[in-house]
Amino acid sequence: MAFGYTGDAEAECGAFHQKTGWIIKLITVQEILDEQFMQKM
């Protein structure tokens, strides 16, 4: 979880996916807050 992430973080996630087949979903704090806001409506 972060307020933002770098291109390096995206590259690491891509490399991890290529090695394992697993996907890491990068989520920002704002995305989490927006989702919680939408659920309350």
Protein backbone atom coordinates (compact mmCIF):
# COMPACT_ATOMS: atom_id res chain seq x y z
CA MET A 1 0.00 0.00 0.00
CA ALA A 2 1.35 3.41 -0.89
CA PHE A 3 0.37 6.95 -1.77
CA GLY A 4 2.07 6.33 -5.10
CA TYR A 5 4.53 3.93 -6.65
CA THR A 6 7.48 4.15 -8.99
CA GLY A 7 8.22 2.59 -12.33
CA ASP A 8 10.68 0.35 -10.50
CA ALA A 9 7.82 -1.06 -8.42
CA GLU A 10 5.84 -1.79 -11.58
CA ALA A 11 8.89 -3.46 -13.14
CA GLU A 12 9.39 -5.65 -10.06
CA CYS A 13 5.75 -6.73 -10.19
CA GLY A 14 6.14 -7.58 -13.87
CA ALA A 15 9.28 -9.61 -13.22
CA PHE A 16 7.55 -11.44 -10.36
CA HIS A 17 4.62 -12.27 -12.65
CA GLN A 18 6.92 -13.63 -15.34
CA LYS A 19 8.76 -15.85 -12.84
CA THR A 20 5.77 -17.16 -10.89
CA GLY A 21 2.62 -16.51 -12.94
CA TRP A 22 1.16 -14.65 -9.95
CA ILE A 23 -0.11 -11.09 -10.25
CA ILE A 24 0.55 -8.32 -7.73
CA LYS A 25 -2.10 -5.60 -7.81
CA LEU A 26 -0.57 -2.23 -6.97
CA ILE A 27 -3.09 -0.22 -4.95
CA THR A 28 -2.71 3.33 -3.69
CA VAL A 29 -4.16 4.65 -0.47
CA GLN A 30 -6.45 6.89 -2.52
CA GLU A 31 -7.86 3.90 -4.42
CA ILE A 32 -8.66 2.18 -1.14
CA LEU A 33 -10.31 5.29 0.23
CA ASP A 34 -12.35 5.78 -2.94
CA GLU A 35 -13.59 2.19 -2.81
CA GLN A 36 -14.65 2.53 0.81
CA PHE A 37 -16.44 5.75 -0.04
CA MET A 38 -18.33 4.05 -2.86
CA GLN A 39 -19.42 1.18 -0.62
CA LYS A 40 -21.01 3.61 1.84
CA MET A 41 -23.17 5.21 -0.85
